[in-house]
Amino acid sequence: MRFGSGARLILTRITGNEDAQRLPFLPYTGARVPGDKIAVDTDGTLHLCEKINQTFPIGNVDQGLDFEAITKIVLKYNEQITPMCANCVVSKLCSICYVVVAGEGKFERQPPNICQSIHDSIKQRLACTYSILEENPKAYDEMITNYYDQLAETCQIDF
């Protein structure tokens, strides 16, 4: 049995490696700071990423990032999406990001059962991941070693 990206996500978040990147104003879900990743539209408009709809621009190539717009997006996301996340048992493993919940100028849980779908997916990944670890307790260490070995080989660097 081998680990896939789902198991890697589960294990890195559980061991705290992902939590080190979380900021107090985005403590739940998989949302990142707007501007951390940028997509440029043909007219020069900057977007959160290449998958987001056109109703959440974060600047343009001439004037750069619009920090007021970014602040409004984060506040709107936290107001419309994260209130239920504080008591959610999988909030640190959640994959919801802006793209998943972006409507026309607002964020919304569509479909309404999206949280249950994510719970079910995480439950399945946890079961699979820990089944692998029960069979091979060193699998996590091997995954990390193989990952860095492959990265070093691909990038031709030494760690």
Protein backbone atom coordinates (compact mmCIF):
# COMPACT_ATOMS: atom_id res chain seq x y z
CA MET A 1 0.00 0.00 0.00
CA ARG A 2 1.18 3.52 -0.80
CA PHE A 3 0.15 6.93 0.45
CA GLY A 4 -1.58 9.30 -1.89
CA SER A 5 -2.08 13.04 -1.60
CA GLY A 6 -5.17 12.57 0.59
CA ALA A 7 -3.18 10.65 3.19
CA ARG A 8 -0.34 13.15 2.99
CA LEU A 9 -2.82 15.98 3.61
CA ILE A 10 -4.30 14.17 6.60
CA LEU A 11 -0.93 13.43 8.16
CA THR A 12 0.68 16.81 7.62
CA ARG A 13 -2.32 18.61 9.06
CA ILE A 14 -2.53 16.24 12.04
CA THR A 15 1.15 16.60 12.83
CA GLY A 16 0.78 20.37 12.80
CA ASN A 17 2.87 21.17 9.74
CA GLU A 18 -0.09 22.83 7.98
CA ASP A 19 -1.34 24.60 11.12
CA ALA A 20 1.90 26.59 11.26
CA GLN A 21 0.70 28.35 8.10
CA ARG A 22 -2.76 29.21 9.44
CA LEU A 23 -3.36 32.77 10.45
CA PRO A 24 -5.68 33.97 13.24
CA PHE A 25 -8.04 35.63 10.77
CA LEU A 26 -8.39 32.40 8.68
CA PRO A 27 -8.29 29.65 11.31
CA TYR A 28 -10.69 27.22 9.62
CA THR A 29 -11.04 25.47 6.27
CA GLY A 30 -8.51 25.37 3.45
CA ALA A 31 -8.75 29.07 2.60
CA ARG A 32 -5.46 30.94 2.17
CA VAL A 33 -4.70 34.62 2.33
CA PRO A 34 -5.95 36.27 -0.86
CA GLY A 35 -2.92 37.31 -2.87
CA ASP A 36 -0.91 34.28 -1.76
CA LYS A 37 -1.78 32.84 -5.16
CA ILE A 38 -2.76 35.14 -8.01
CA ALA A 39 -4.35 34.68 -11.41
CA VAL A 40 -4.34 37.43 -14.02
CA ASP A 41 -7.29 37.91 -16.34
CA THR A 42 -6.80 39.02 -19.96
CA ASP A 43 -7.81 42.56 -19.00
CA GLY A 44 -5.22 42.70 -16.20
CA THR A 45 -7.60 42.01 -13.32
CA LEU A 46 -6.04 40.05 -10.47
CA HIS A 47 -8.01 37.16 -8.96
CA LEU A 48 -7.62 34.90 -5.92
CA CYS A 49 -6.67 32.01 -8.21
CA GLU A 50 -7.41 30.63 -11.66
CA LYS A 51 -10.56 28.81 -10.48
CA ILE A 52 -12.47 31.65 -8.81
CA ASN A 53 -15.36 33.38 -10.54
CA GLN A 54 -15.03 36.98 -11.67
CA THR A 55 -16.90 38.56 -8.72
CA PHE A 56 -13.97 38.64 -6.29
CA PRO A 57 -11.19 40.70 -7.93
CA ILE A 58 -8.21 41.56 -5.72
CA GLY A 59 -6.54 44.22 -7.86
CA ASN A 60 -5.09 44.79 -11.29
CA VAL A 61 -1.67 44.72 -12.93
CA ASP A 62 -1.42 48.50 -13.13
CA GLN A 63 -2.18 49.31 -9.50
CA GLY A 64 -1.25 46.01 -7.82
CA LEU A 65 -3.12 44.29 -5.04
CA ASP A 66 -6.16 46.05 -3.59
CA PHE A 67 -5.76 45.41 0.13
CA GLU A 68 -9.14 46.90 0.94
CA ALA A 69 -10.80 44.42 -1.45
CA ILE A 70 -8.77 41.56 0.06
CA THR A 71 -9.84 42.58 3.57
CA LYS A 72 -13.49 42.68 2.49
CA ILE A 73 -13.21 39.22 0.92
CA VAL A 74 -11.73 37.72 4.10
CA LEU A 75 -14.35 39.42 6.30
CA LYS A 76 -17.18 38.31 4.01
CA TYR A 77 -15.83 34.73 3.90
CA ASN A 78 -15.53 34.61 7.69
CA GLU A 79 -19.01 36.09 8.13
CA GLN A 80 -20.76 33.88 5.58
CA ILE A 81 -18.87 30.57 5.80
CA THR A 82 -16.91 30.03 9.00
CA PRO A 83 -19.43 30.58 11.86
CA MET A 84 -20.25 26.84 11.86
CA CYS A 85 -16.56 25.89 11.60
CA ALA A 86 -15.55 26.72 15.18
CA ASN A 87 -17.30 23.61 16.53
CA CYS A 88 -16.62 21.37 13.54
CA VAL A 89 -14.50 18.32 14.31
CA VAL A 90 -12.80 18.38 10.91
CA SER A 91 -12.23 22.13 10.49
CA LYS A 92 -8.44 21.66 10.48
CA LEU A 93 -8.76 19.10 7.67
CA CYS A 94 -11.44 20.90 5.67
CA SER A 95 -10.82 21.52 1.99
CA ILE A 96 -13.34 24.33 1.55
CA CYS A 97 -11.72 27.40 0.04
CA TYR A 98 -13.03 30.53 -1.63
CA VAL A 99 -13.56 28.75 -4.96
CA VAL A 100 -15.76 26.02 -3.49
CA VAL A 101 -18.19 28.48 -1.90
CA ALA A 102 -17.99 31.49 -4.26
CA GLY A 103 -21.35 32.67 -5.51
CA GLU A 104 -22.15 35.90 -7.31
CA GLY A 105 -20.46 38.41 -5.01
CA LYS A 106 -21.07 36.35 -1.89
CA PHE A 107 -20.00 33.09 -0.34
CA GLU A 108 -22.54 30.32 0.12
CA ARG A 109 -22.59 26.66 0.99
CA GLN A 110 -23.72 25.12 -2.29
CA PRO A 111 -24.77 22.42 -2.29
CA PRO A 112 -26.15 22.83 1.23
CA ASN A 113 -24.78 19.39 2.22
CA ILE A 114 -21.19 20.29 1.27
CA CYS A 115 -20.03 20.00 4.88
CA GLN A 116 -21.44 16.48 5.19
CA SER A 117 -19.73 15.49 1.95
CA ILE A 118 -16.42 16.80 3.28
CA HIS A 119 -16.96 14.97 6.60
CA ASP A 120 -17.59 11.72 4.73
CA SER A 121 -14.52 12.20 2.53
CA ILE A 122 -12.26 12.97 5.49
CA LYS A 123 -13.65 10.00 7.42
CA GLN A 124 -12.84 7.74 4.45
CA ARG A 125 -9.32 9.21 4.12
CA LEU A 126 -8.69 8.82 7.85
CA ALA A 127 -9.80 5.19 7.77
CA CYS A 128 -7.60 4.44 4.76
CA THR A 129 -4.60 6.32 6.14
CA TYR A 130 -4.71 4.60 9.51
CA SER A 131 -5.28 1.21 7.89
CA ILE A 132 -2.01 1.76 6.03
CA LEU A 133 -0.27 2.83 9.24
CA GLU A 134 -1.58 -0.22 11.09
CA GLU A 135 -0.16 -2.45 8.37
CA ASN A 136 3.12 -0.52 8.12
CA PRO A 137 3.86 1.82 11.09
CA LYS A 138 6.85 3.26 9.22
CA ALA A 139 4.79 4.27 6.18
CA TYR A 140 4.62 7.94 7.19
CA ASP A 141 8.40 8.19 7.61
CA GLU A 142 8.88 6.40 4.28
CA MET A 143 6.41 8.77 2.61
CA ILE A 144 8.29 11.82 3.86
CA THR A 145 11.68 10.34 2.89
CA ASN A 146 10.42 9.36 -0.58
CA TYR A 147 8.84 12.78 -1.06
CA TYR A 148 12.07 14.62 -0.32
CA ASP A 149 14.14 12.15 -2.32
CA GLN A 150 11.85 12.65 -5.34
CA LEU A 151 11.88 16.41 -4.86
CA ALA A 152 15.68 16.48 -4.68
CA GLU A 153 15.91 14.31 -7.79
CA THR A 154 13.39 16.40 -9.72
CA CYS A 155 14.90 19.72 -8.70
CA GLN A 156 18.48 18.43 -8.65
CA ILE A 157 19.14 19.73 -5.16
CA ASP A 158 20.56 18.28 -1.98
CA PHE A 159 18.79 18.43 1.36
